[in-house]
Every structure is written in structure tokens, then in C-alpha cells.
Amino acid sequence: MTHALKARRTLLTAAAATAAAGLITPLRAQGLAPTPTMRGGANNYLAGAPVVQRIGGGGFWMTGTVRRAGDGAPLPRIRIQIWAHTTEGHERDPHSHGATLTDANGVFRMEMPQIVPAFGQAHGHLAYDAAYDENGFATVFLRPVMRSARDRSLSADFVLQRA
């Protein structure tokens, strides 16, 4: 191999490495954006709802994940409160509220009665309330809407940032 060809190959390899580093660094710097609080998410919130195995008779699953803003690391043992208008009660009823904790992978699951439409929409409410946690993240309320009132599950994910 000639000296010129070797020098060109070295230059191209260095240029490719520099370009790859330039593409990767901005993505890492950008990170995972925090979840904004949704309008109407705090409606009928009941501060301090108990951690329970399930709400009511079950049959419907509320699921999701909780991760840290920036690096996206899963957050274990985060308390998520869930409530909704269901076949067994209104979203303002204390027995329609319950909280659960995320597992080691930041995943939560709560079985509850079937969500039914309220004000024309089948939707759930979820909250991460900083008042009940010592991790220093900002409070977030979510109000995801179901595609169909016949759905048997609803998923909502949280990305929390430091307060």
C-alpha cells in the first residue's frame, strides 16, 4: 500500500470517528425530556391515597413506567397514585383511588375496575406527588384518554425531573 493511500485511509478513519462522536454527543446531551403535567390531571386528586394491591374488583389494568429525565434510568420504589371513573365508582370517591410502587425496573401495574366514560371520555388519572416522596422530583399529574371505552388496559409513562 502506498504512503498516500495509507495517509488517506487514516484521514478518513479519523474523520469518521470525529463525525460519529459529533453525532452521538448531542444526543447524549439532549437526554430524555421530563413529562409535563397534563391539564385536568389533578381533578379529584385525593392526597395520600393508600398503597393497595388493587382497586375494587379489578378486571382492568393501568400500567406504565417511571424514568429519570436526562439519562432515562428506571426509578424503583416510586409511588404512583391512580384513580378513575369506573364501573364501581366515580373518580371523586375515596374507594376509586389507590397507589402503587414501581418495581426495580421502574414499572408499575395496578388492577382496577373497568374505566367508563366521564364527561364524554374514558380516561384515567395518575399522579406522582412529591409531597409523598423524598427523592426530590417535581410533581406530575397525568390524564391519559383511552382510544375506546372497551379497552381493558391503559398505559402512561412518567419521566421525572428534579424539583
Protein backbone atom coordinates (compact mmCIF):
# COMPACT_ATOMS: atom_id res chain seq x y z
CA MET A 1 0.00 0.00 0.00
CA THR A 2 1.40 3.39 -0.90
CA HIS A 3 2.11 6.06 1.65
CA ALA A 4 -0.54 8.36 0.11
CA LEU A 5 -3.21 5.66 0.25
CA LYS A 6 -2.32 4.86 3.89
CA ALA A 7 -2.48 8.57 4.83
CA ARG A 8 -5.85 8.93 3.08
CA ARG A 9 -7.24 5.87 4.92
CA THR A 10 -6.01 7.26 8.26
CA LEU A 11 -7.59 10.65 7.49
CA LEU A 12 -10.93 9.08 6.51
CA THR A 13 -10.95 6.89 9.64
CA ALA A 14 -10.24 9.92 11.84
CA ALA A 15 -12.92 11.96 10.06
CA ALA A 16 -15.49 9.16 10.50
CA ALA A 17 -14.66 8.84 14.22
CA THR A 18 -14.95 12.60 14.69
CA ALA A 19 -18.29 12.71 12.84
CA ALA A 20 -19.65 9.79 14.88
CA ALA A 21 -18.58 11.44 18.11
CA GLY A 22 -20.23 14.67 16.99
CA LEU A 23 -23.49 12.86 16.25
CA ILE A 24 -23.52 10.90 19.49
CA THR A 25 -22.60 13.73 21.87
CA PRO A 26 -25.60 15.99 21.09
CA LEU A 27 -28.00 13.07 21.58
CA ARG A 28 -26.49 12.30 24.97
CA ALA A 29 -26.51 15.96 25.96
CA GLN A 30 -30.15 16.36 24.95
CA GLY A 31 -31.32 13.44 27.07
CA LEU A 32 -34.86 12.40 27.90
CA ALA A 33 -37.23 15.33 28.41
CA PRO A 34 -39.41 15.42 31.55
CA THR A 35 -43.13 14.67 31.34
CA PRO A 36 -45.19 17.85 31.64
CA THR A 37 -48.23 17.90 33.93
CA MET A 38 -51.40 17.44 31.89
CA ARG A 39 -54.31 19.88 32.07
CA GLY A 40 -57.10 18.30 34.14
CA GLY A 41 -54.80 15.65 35.58
CA ALA A 42 -55.23 16.78 39.17
CA ASN A 43 -59.06 16.71 39.06
CA ASN A 44 -60.41 14.89 42.11
CA TYR A 45 -56.91 14.11 43.40
CA LEU A 46 -57.02 12.62 46.92
CA ALA A 47 -53.80 13.38 48.78
CA GLY A 48 -52.27 10.37 50.48
CA ALA A 49 -54.35 7.59 48.93
CA PRO A 50 -53.15 4.28 50.39
CA VAL A 51 -50.82 1.85 48.61
CA VAL A 52 -53.05 -1.11 47.71
CA GLN A 53 -52.78 -4.38 45.77
CA ARG A 54 -55.74 -3.39 43.55
CA ILE A 55 -58.68 -1.03 43.43
CA GLY A 56 -62.09 -2.69 43.73
CA GLY A 57 -62.90 -5.90 41.90
CA GLY A 58 -60.36 -5.46 39.13
CA GLY A 59 -60.57 -6.55 35.52
CA PHE A 60 -58.80 -3.51 34.02
CA TRP A 61 -55.04 -2.79 34.07
CA MET A 62 -53.33 0.59 34.47
CA THR A 63 -49.64 0.23 33.65
CA GLY A 64 -46.60 2.35 32.93
CA THR A 65 -43.00 3.19 33.65
CA VAL A 66 -41.21 5.85 35.64
CA ARG A 67 -37.80 7.06 34.48
CA ARG A 68 -35.43 9.89 35.34
CA ALA A 69 -35.19 12.86 32.99
CA GLY A 70 -31.88 13.14 31.20
CA ASP A 71 -30.43 9.65 31.27
CA GLY A 72 -33.74 7.72 31.28
CA ALA A 73 -32.72 5.49 34.20
CA PRO A 74 -35.64 3.49 35.67
CA LEU A 75 -36.78 4.72 39.07
CA PRO A 76 -37.63 1.99 41.60
CA ARG A 77 -39.98 2.39 44.60
CA ILE A 78 -41.70 5.49 43.21
CA ARG A 79 -45.27 5.96 44.49
CA ILE A 80 -47.84 6.45 41.72
CA GLN A 81 -51.46 7.23 42.61
CA ILE A 82 -54.22 6.08 40.25
CA TRP A 83 -57.91 6.99 40.16
CA ALA A 84 -60.72 6.98 37.61
CA HIS A 85 -64.44 6.91 36.96
CA THR A 86 -65.14 3.15 36.86
CA THR A 87 -67.96 0.63 36.87
CA GLU A 88 -67.66 0.68 40.69
CA GLY A 89 -67.47 4.40 41.45
CA HIS A 90 -66.76 7.97 40.48
CA GLU A 91 -63.27 9.46 40.38
CA ARG A 92 -64.11 11.62 43.40
CA ASP A 93 -64.95 8.55 45.55
CA PRO A 94 -62.18 7.57 48.00
CA HIS A 95 -62.64 3.86 47.12
CA SER A 96 -61.81 4.71 43.47
CA HIS A 97 -58.27 5.80 44.47
CA GLY A 98 -55.18 3.75 45.19
CA ALA A 99 -51.41 3.97 44.95
CA THR A 100 -48.74 1.52 43.86
CA LEU A 101 -44.94 1.43 43.85
CA THR A 102 -42.68 0.89 40.86
CA ASP A 103 -40.54 -2.25 40.74
CA ALA A 104 -36.74 -2.39 40.25
CA ASN A 105 -37.22 -1.62 36.52
CA GLY A 106 -39.42 1.44 37.16
CA VAL A 107 -42.56 -0.45 36.07
CA PHE A 108 -45.95 -0.15 37.79
CA ARG A 109 -49.17 -2.14 37.37
CA MET A 110 -52.48 -1.70 39.12
CA GLU A 111 -55.60 -3.76 38.60
CA MET A 112 -58.83 -1.83 38.97
CA PRO A 113 -62.46 -1.87 37.78
CA GLN A 114 -63.20 -1.08 34.12
CA ILE A 115 -62.84 2.63 33.35
CA VAL A 116 -66.02 4.14 31.90
CA PRO A 117 -66.56 7.49 30.17
CA ALA A 118 -66.90 10.61 32.31
CA PHE A 119 -67.68 13.88 30.57
CA GLY A 120 -67.71 12.00 27.25
CA GLN A 121 -64.26 10.44 27.55
CA ALA A 122 -62.97 7.24 29.10
CA HIS A 123 -59.81 8.36 30.90
CA GLY A 124 -57.65 7.68 33.90
CA HIS A 125 -55.76 9.88 36.33
CA LEU A 126 -52.26 9.22 37.60
CA ALA A 127 -50.02 11.25 39.85
CA TYR A 128 -46.50 11.36 41.12
CA ASP A 129 -46.82 13.65 44.14
CA ALA A 130 -43.51 14.96 45.50
CA ALA A 131 -45.14 15.50 48.91
CA TYR A 132 -45.16 11.71 49.41
CA ASP A 133 -41.61 11.01 48.25
CA GLU A 134 -38.14 12.02 49.40
CA ASN A 135 -36.40 11.73 46.00
CA GLY A 136 -36.78 15.42 45.16
CA PHE A 137 -38.63 15.12 41.84
CA ALA A 138 -41.27 17.60 40.67
CA THR A 139 -44.96 16.62 40.98
CA VAL A 140 -46.61 15.40 37.75
CA PHE A 141 -50.31 14.73 37.10
CA LEU A 142 -51.40 12.77 34.01
CA ARG A 143 -54.83 12.31 32.42
CA PRO A 144 -54.49 9.80 29.56
CA VAL A 145 -57.55 9.21 27.39
CA MET A 146 -58.44 5.72 26.19
CA ARG A 147 -58.86 5.04 22.46
CA SER A 148 -62.04 3.09 23.18
CA ALA A 149 -64.20 2.64 26.28
CA ARG A 150 -63.94 -1.12 25.56
CA ASP A 151 -60.14 -1.16 26.10
CA ARG A 152 -59.11 -3.41 29.00
CA SER A 153 -55.91 -1.51 29.81
CA LEU A 154 -54.31 1.91 29.71
CA SER A 155 -50.63 2.80 29.89
CA ALA A 156 -49.00 6.04 30.99
CA ASP A 157 -45.30 6.78 31.41
CA PHE A 158 -43.61 9.32 33.65
CA VAL A 159 -40.23 10.98 33.10
CA LEU A 160 -39.43 12.83 36.33
CA GLN A 161 -37.06 15.75 36.80
CA ARG A 162 -35.57 17.16 39.98
CA ALA A 163 -37.71 19.85 41.56
